């Protein structure tokens, strides 16, 4: 089992940057594929990015490709999301997520077993 704690959200102007972090508990962090999702008011939770255990494989939603970068530091049990060139439509609560099993592209929230509490990102125009 793993527990996730998200942090790093805030208010930023359009074009700005933020870096989200997710701290994981437990000694088997490398067993998990990690991901970031986001959820805007009145909308379904949306896939943002995912990364495999080593960090060698990543995948992004088209809406964030080229602007966001997911990374992980296994020695510190953390996964991060660097967000650049932020747009007002990026405004949402961002959630860190984890799932066990082999690496594959998994973009549905139902495929993930563990979730952080979420961190609010607000981008003003």
N, C-alpha and C. Protein backbone atom coordinates (compact mmCIF):
# COMPACT_ATOMS: atom_id res chain seq x y z
N UNK A 1 0.83 -1.18 0.00
CA UNK A 1 0.00 0.00 0.00
C UNK A 1 0.87 1.24 0.00
N UNK A 2 0.35 2.35 -0.52
CA UNK A 2 1.11 3.59 -0.56
C UNK A 2 0.17 4.74 -0.24
N UNK A 3 0.68 5.72 0.48
CA UNK A 3 -0.08 6.94 0.77
C UNK A 3 0.59 8.09 0.04
N UNK A 4 -0.24 8.97 -0.53
CA UNK A 4 0.27 10.06 -1.37
C UNK A 4 -0.17 11.40 -0.81
N UNK A 5 0.76 12.36 -0.79
CA UNK A 5 0.46 13.71 -0.33
C UNK A 5 0.91 14.70 -1.40
N UNK A 6 -0.08 15.42 -1.95
CA UNK A 6 0.19 16.40 -3.01
C UNK A 6 0.48 17.76 -2.41
N UNK A 7 1.33 18.53 -3.12
CA UNK A 7 1.60 19.90 -2.70
C UNK A 7 2.08 20.72 -3.89
N UNK A 8 2.15 22.04 -3.70
CA UNK A 8 2.73 22.91 -4.70
C UNK A 8 1.77 23.74 -5.51
N UNK A 9 0.48 23.56 -5.30
CA UNK A 9 -0.48 24.35 -6.05
C UNK A 9 -0.48 25.81 -5.62
N UNK A 10 -1.22 26.63 -6.38
CA UNK A 10 -1.30 28.04 -6.05
C UNK A 10 -1.95 28.83 -7.16
N UNK A 11 -1.84 30.15 -7.04
CA UNK A 11 -2.39 31.07 -8.02
C UNK A 11 -1.25 31.64 -8.85
N UNK A 12 -1.42 31.59 -10.17
CA UNK A 12 -0.38 32.08 -11.06
C UNK A 12 -1.03 32.76 -12.26
N UNK A 13 -0.35 33.71 -12.85
CA UNK A 13 -0.87 34.36 -14.05
C UNK A 13 -0.62 33.49 -15.27
N UNK A 14 -1.44 33.69 -16.27
CA UNK A 14 -1.26 32.97 -17.53
C UNK A 14 0.15 33.20 -18.06
N UNK A 15 0.75 32.12 -18.53
CA UNK A 15 2.13 32.17 -19.00
C UNK A 15 3.16 31.82 -17.95
N UNK A 16 2.71 31.74 -16.71
CA UNK A 16 3.61 31.44 -15.61
C UNK A 16 3.84 29.94 -15.44
N UNK A 17 4.56 29.61 -14.37
CA UNK A 17 4.94 28.23 -14.09
C UNK A 17 4.64 27.86 -12.65
N UNK A 18 4.40 26.57 -12.44
CA UNK A 18 4.26 25.99 -11.11
C UNK A 18 4.87 24.60 -11.14
N UNK A 19 5.32 24.15 -9.98
CA UNK A 19 5.84 22.79 -9.86
C UNK A 19 5.07 22.09 -8.75
N UNK A 20 4.38 21.02 -9.10
CA UNK A 20 3.66 20.20 -8.13
C UNK A 20 4.54 19.05 -7.68
N UNK A 21 4.36 18.67 -6.43
CA UNK A 21 5.08 17.53 -5.89
C UNK A 21 4.12 16.56 -5.22
N UNK A 22 4.52 15.29 -5.22
CA UNK A 22 3.74 14.24 -4.57
C UNK A 22 4.71 13.38 -3.78
N UNK A 23 4.51 13.32 -2.49
CA UNK A 23 5.36 12.51 -1.62
C UNK A 23 4.64 11.21 -1.30
N UNK A 24 5.33 10.10 -1.50
CA UNK A 24 4.74 8.78 -1.28
C UNK A 24 5.36 8.11 -0.07
N UNK A 25 4.54 7.44 0.70
CA UNK A 25 5.04 6.66 1.83
C UNK A 25 5.28 5.24 1.37
N UNK A 26 5.96 4.47 2.19
CA UNK A 26 6.16 3.07 1.86
C UNK A 26 7.51 2.81 1.23
N UNK A 27 7.93 1.56 1.26
CA UNK A 27 9.25 1.20 0.77
C UNK A 27 9.23 0.59 -0.61
N UNK A 28 8.07 0.55 -1.26
CA UNK A 28 7.98 -0.08 -2.57
C UNK A 28 7.56 0.91 -3.64
N UNK A 29 8.04 2.13 -3.53
CA UNK A 29 7.66 3.19 -4.45
C UNK A 29 7.94 2.81 -5.89
N UNK A 30 9.03 2.12 -6.13
CA UNK A 30 9.39 1.76 -7.51
C UNK A 30 8.46 0.70 -8.09
N UNK A 31 7.59 0.14 -7.27
CA UNK A 31 6.63 -0.84 -7.77
C UNK A 31 5.46 -0.18 -8.49
N UNK A 32 5.36 1.14 -8.37
CA UNK A 32 4.17 1.83 -8.84
C UNK A 32 4.44 2.69 -10.07
N UNK A 33 3.50 2.60 -10.99
CA UNK A 33 3.39 3.57 -12.06
C UNK A 33 2.69 4.79 -11.47
N UNK A 34 3.22 5.97 -11.71
CA UNK A 34 2.67 7.19 -11.14
C UNK A 34 2.05 8.06 -12.23
N UNK A 35 1.10 8.88 -11.80
CA UNK A 35 0.42 9.74 -12.77
C UNK A 35 -0.11 11.00 -12.08
N UNK A 36 -0.44 11.97 -12.89
CA UNK A 36 -1.15 13.16 -12.45
C UNK A 36 -2.47 13.25 -13.22
N UNK A 37 -3.52 13.58 -12.50
CA UNK A 37 -4.82 13.86 -13.08
C UNK A 37 -5.23 15.26 -12.61
N UNK A 38 -6.26 15.80 -13.23
CA UNK A 38 -6.82 17.06 -12.78
C UNK A 38 -8.33 17.04 -12.95
N UNK A 39 -8.98 17.86 -12.13
CA UNK A 39 -10.44 17.93 -12.18
C UNK A 39 -10.88 19.37 -11.98
N UNK A 40 -11.54 19.91 -12.99
CA UNK A 40 -12.10 21.25 -12.93
C UNK A 40 -13.53 21.15 -12.42
N UNK A 41 -14.07 22.23 -11.86
CA UNK A 41 -15.43 22.20 -11.33
C UNK A 41 -16.43 21.76 -12.38
N UNK A 42 -17.28 20.80 -12.02
CA UNK A 42 -18.32 20.32 -12.91
C UNK A 42 -17.85 19.40 -14.01
N UNK A 43 -16.56 19.03 -13.98
CA UNK A 43 -16.03 18.16 -15.03
C UNK A 43 -15.47 16.88 -14.44
N UNK A 44 -15.30 15.88 -15.29
CA UNK A 44 -14.73 14.61 -14.85
C UNK A 44 -13.22 14.75 -14.64
N UNK A 45 -12.70 13.83 -13.83
CA UNK A 45 -11.26 13.82 -13.61
C UNK A 45 -10.56 13.46 -14.93
N UNK A 46 -9.53 14.23 -15.25
CA UNK A 46 -8.89 14.14 -16.56
C UNK A 46 -7.43 13.74 -16.41
N UNK A 47 -6.99 12.81 -17.23
CA UNK A 47 -5.60 12.39 -17.24
C UNK A 47 -4.69 13.52 -17.71
N UNK A 48 -3.53 13.65 -17.05
CA UNK A 48 -2.56 14.68 -17.43
C UNK A 48 -1.26 14.04 -17.93
N UNK A 49 -0.67 13.17 -17.10
CA UNK A 49 0.63 12.58 -17.45
C UNK A 49 0.87 11.35 -16.61
N UNK A 50 1.73 10.46 -17.11
CA UNK A 50 2.09 9.27 -16.36
C UNK A 50 3.56 8.94 -16.60
N UNK A 51 4.16 8.20 -15.66
CA UNK A 51 5.58 7.86 -15.73
C UNK A 51 5.79 6.46 -15.18
N UNK A 52 6.70 5.70 -15.78
CA UNK A 52 6.93 4.34 -15.31
C UNK A 52 7.89 4.35 -14.13
N UNK A 53 8.24 3.16 -13.63
CA UNK A 53 8.98 3.07 -12.38
C UNK A 53 10.36 3.71 -12.45
N UNK A 54 11.00 3.66 -13.61
CA UNK A 54 12.36 4.17 -13.73
C UNK A 54 12.41 5.62 -14.19
N UNK A 55 11.29 6.11 -14.70
CA UNK A 55 11.28 7.45 -15.28
C UNK A 55 11.64 7.45 -16.75
N UNK A 56 11.91 6.28 -17.30
CA UNK A 56 12.32 6.20 -18.69
C UNK A 56 11.18 6.27 -19.68
N UNK A 57 9.98 6.05 -19.21
CA UNK A 57 8.80 6.13 -20.08
C UNK A 57 7.81 7.13 -19.50
N UNK A 58 7.36 8.05 -20.34
CA UNK A 58 6.36 9.03 -19.93
C UNK A 58 5.32 9.18 -21.04
N UNK A 59 4.17 9.68 -20.65
CA UNK A 59 3.11 9.90 -21.64
C UNK A 59 2.26 11.07 -21.15
N UNK A 60 1.85 11.92 -22.09
CA UNK A 60 1.13 13.13 -21.73
C UNK A 60 -0.17 13.25 -22.52
N UNK A 61 -1.13 13.90 -21.89
CA UNK A 61 -2.33 14.29 -22.61
C UNK A 61 -1.94 15.34 -23.65
N UNK A 62 -2.65 15.34 -24.77
CA UNK A 62 -2.32 16.28 -25.84
C UNK A 62 -2.41 17.73 -25.37
N UNK A 63 -3.32 18.00 -24.44
CA UNK A 63 -3.55 19.37 -23.98
C UNK A 63 -2.37 19.95 -23.21
N UNK A 64 -1.47 19.09 -22.71
CA UNK A 64 -0.35 19.59 -21.91
C UNK A 64 1.01 19.26 -22.53
N UNK A 65 1.00 18.50 -23.59
CA UNK A 65 2.25 18.07 -24.22
C UNK A 65 3.08 19.29 -24.63
N UNK A 66 4.36 19.25 -24.29
CA UNK A 66 5.25 20.35 -24.61
C UNK A 66 5.27 21.45 -23.56
N UNK A 67 4.33 21.44 -22.63
CA UNK A 67 4.28 22.46 -21.57
C UNK A 67 4.54 21.86 -20.19
N UNK A 68 4.10 20.63 -19.96
CA UNK A 68 4.24 19.97 -18.67
C UNK A 68 5.29 18.86 -18.77
N UNK A 69 5.98 18.63 -17.65
CA UNK A 69 6.95 17.54 -17.58
C UNK A 69 6.77 16.79 -16.27
N UNK A 70 6.57 15.48 -16.39
CA UNK A 70 6.47 14.62 -15.21
C UNK A 70 7.82 13.98 -14.96
N UNK A 71 8.19 13.86 -13.68
CA UNK A 71 9.46 13.24 -13.33
C UNK A 71 9.30 12.57 -11.96
N UNK A 72 10.24 11.69 -11.64
CA UNK A 72 10.19 11.04 -10.33
C UNK A 72 11.61 10.88 -9.80
N UNK A 73 11.72 10.91 -8.48
CA UNK A 73 13.00 10.71 -7.80
C UNK A 73 12.77 9.57 -6.81
N UNK A 74 13.14 8.37 -7.22
CA UNK A 74 12.83 7.18 -6.43
C UNK A 74 13.53 7.18 -5.07
N UNK A 75 14.71 7.75 -5.00
CA UNK A 75 15.44 7.79 -3.73
C UNK A 75 14.70 8.61 -2.68
N UNK A 76 13.86 9.55 -3.14
CA UNK A 76 13.11 10.40 -2.22
C UNK A 76 11.62 10.08 -2.22
N UNK A 77 11.23 9.05 -2.96
CA UNK A 77 9.80 8.67 -3.04
C UNK A 77 8.92 9.84 -3.46
N UNK A 78 9.35 10.56 -4.48
CA UNK A 78 8.57 11.71 -4.93
C UNK A 78 8.35 11.66 -6.45
N UNK A 79 7.25 12.24 -6.86
CA UNK A 79 6.97 12.46 -8.27
C UNK A 79 6.55 13.92 -8.41
N UNK A 80 6.99 14.55 -9.49
CA UNK A 80 6.74 15.97 -9.68
C UNK A 80 6.08 16.23 -11.03
N UNK A 81 5.45 17.38 -11.12
CA UNK A 81 4.87 17.84 -12.38
C UNK A 81 5.27 19.30 -12.56
N UNK A 82 6.19 19.55 -13.48
CA UNK A 82 6.59 20.90 -13.81
C UNK A 82 5.65 21.43 -14.87
N UNK A 83 4.98 22.54 -14.56
CA UNK A 83 3.98 23.09 -15.47
C UNK A 83 4.43 24.47 -15.93
N UNK A 84 4.67 24.60 -17.20
CA UNK A 84 5.10 25.87 -17.81
C UNK A 84 4.04 26.39 -18.77
N UNK A 85 4.16 27.65 -19.11
CA UNK A 85 3.23 28.28 -20.07
C UNK A 85 1.78 27.98 -19.69
N UNK A 86 1.46 28.19 -18.44
CA UNK A 86 0.14 27.85 -17.95
C UNK A 86 -0.94 28.71 -18.58
N UNK A 87 -2.10 28.10 -18.77
CA UNK A 87 -3.25 28.75 -19.38
C UNK A 87 -4.42 28.73 -18.40
N UNK A 88 -5.37 29.65 -18.54
CA UNK A 88 -6.54 29.62 -17.65
C UNK A 88 -7.26 28.28 -17.68
N UNK A 89 -7.27 27.60 -18.79
CA UNK A 89 -7.94 26.30 -18.88
C UNK A 89 -7.20 25.19 -18.14
N UNK A 90 -6.02 25.48 -17.62
CA UNK A 90 -5.32 24.51 -16.77
C UNK A 90 -5.81 24.58 -15.32
N UNK A 91 -6.66 25.53 -15.01
CA UNK A 91 -7.20 25.67 -13.66
C UNK A 91 -7.98 24.43 -13.26
N UNK A 92 -7.59 23.83 -12.13
CA UNK A 92 -8.23 22.59 -11.66
C UNK A 92 -7.58 22.19 -10.34
N UNK A 93 -8.18 21.19 -9.71
CA UNK A 93 -7.50 20.49 -8.62
C UNK A 93 -6.69 19.38 -9.25
N UNK A 94 -5.41 19.33 -8.90
CA UNK A 94 -4.50 18.33 -9.45
C UNK A 94 -4.26 17.23 -8.43
N UNK A 95 -4.33 15.98 -8.90
CA UNK A 95 -4.20 14.81 -8.04
C UNK A 95 -3.05 13.92 -8.52
N UNK A 96 -2.25 13.48 -7.59
CA UNK A 96 -1.26 12.45 -7.83
C UNK A 96 -1.94 11.08 -7.69
N UNK A 97 -1.54 10.12 -8.50
CA UNK A 97 -2.15 8.79 -8.45
C UNK A 97 -1.09 7.72 -8.67
N UNK A 98 -1.37 6.52 -8.16
CA UNK A 98 -0.44 5.41 -8.29
C UNK A 98 -1.20 4.13 -8.60
N UNK A 99 -0.57 3.26 -9.38
CA UNK A 99 -1.14 1.94 -9.61
C UNK A 99 -0.02 0.92 -9.71
N UNK A 100 -0.30 -0.29 -9.35
CA UNK A 100 0.67 -1.36 -9.48
C UNK A 100 0.60 -1.97 -10.87
N UNK A 101 1.45 -2.94 -11.12
CA UNK A 101 1.41 -3.63 -12.40
C UNK A 101 2.43 -3.12 -13.38
N UNK A 102 2.47 -3.75 -14.53
CA UNK A 102 3.44 -3.42 -15.56
C UNK A 102 3.11 -2.08 -16.22
N UNK A 103 4.11 -1.51 -16.84
CA UNK A 103 3.93 -0.24 -17.54
C UNK A 103 3.01 -0.43 -18.75
N UNK A 104 2.04 0.41 -18.86
CA UNK A 104 1.19 0.51 -20.04
C UNK A 104 0.52 1.87 -19.96
N UNK A 105 -0.02 2.31 -21.05
CA UNK A 105 -0.70 3.61 -21.06
C UNK A 105 -2.06 3.45 -20.40
N UNK A 106 -2.24 4.11 -19.30
CA UNK A 106 -3.49 4.01 -18.54
C UNK A 106 -3.99 5.41 -18.26
N UNK A 107 -5.02 5.82 -19.00
CA UNK A 107 -5.50 7.18 -18.88
C UNK A 107 -6.82 7.34 -18.16
N UNK A 108 -7.36 6.25 -17.65
CA UNK A 108 -8.63 6.31 -16.93
C UNK A 108 -8.38 6.33 -15.43
N UNK A 109 -9.10 7.19 -14.75
CA UNK A 109 -8.93 7.29 -13.29
C UNK A 109 -9.21 5.97 -12.60
N UNK A 110 -10.13 5.18 -13.14
CA UNK A 110 -10.51 3.91 -12.53
C UNK A 110 -9.37 2.89 -12.52
N UNK A 111 -8.33 3.15 -13.31
CA UNK A 111 -7.22 2.20 -13.38
C UNK A 111 -6.19 2.42 -12.28
N UNK A 112 -6.36 3.47 -11.50
CA UNK A 112 -5.40 3.81 -10.45
C UNK A 112 -5.95 3.46 -9.08
N UNK A 113 -5.05 2.96 -8.24
CA UNK A 113 -5.46 2.40 -6.96
C UNK A 113 -5.36 3.39 -5.80
N UNK A 114 -4.42 4.32 -5.88
CA UNK A 114 -4.15 5.22 -4.76
C UNK A 114 -4.13 6.66 -5.27
N UNK A 115 -4.61 7.56 -4.39
CA UNK A 115 -4.75 8.96 -4.76
C UNK A 115 -4.27 9.89 -3.66
N UNK A 116 -3.68 11.02 -4.08
CA UNK A 116 -3.40 12.08 -3.14
C UNK A 116 -4.67 12.87 -2.85
N UNK A 117 -4.54 13.85 -1.96
CA UNK A 117 -5.71 14.61 -1.54
C UNK A 117 -6.05 15.74 -2.50
N UNK A 118 -5.13 16.05 -3.41
CA UNK A 118 -5.35 17.10 -4.39
C UNK A 118 -4.75 18.43 -3.97
N UNK A 119 -4.35 19.22 -4.97
CA UNK A 119 -3.82 20.56 -4.73
C UNK A 119 -4.38 21.48 -5.81
N UNK A 120 -4.86 22.65 -5.39
CA UNK A 120 -5.54 23.56 -6.30
C UNK A 120 -4.54 24.38 -7.11
N UNK A 121 -4.77 24.40 -8.41
CA UNK A 121 -4.00 25.26 -9.31
C UNK A 121 -4.98 26.22 -9.98
N UNK A 122 -4.73 27.51 -9.84
CA UNK A 122 -5.58 28.53 -10.44
C UNK A 122 -4.72 29.42 -11.33
N UNK A 123 -5.11 29.52 -12.60
CA UNK A 123 -4.38 30.34 -13.55
C UNK A 123 -5.26 31.50 -13.97
N UNK A 124 -4.82 32.71 -13.67
CA UNK A 124 -5.61 33.90 -14.00
C UNK A 124 -5.21 34.44 -15.36
N UNK A 125 -6.19 35.03 -16.03
CA UNK A 125 -5.94 35.56 -17.39
C UNK A 125 -5.49 37.00 -17.34
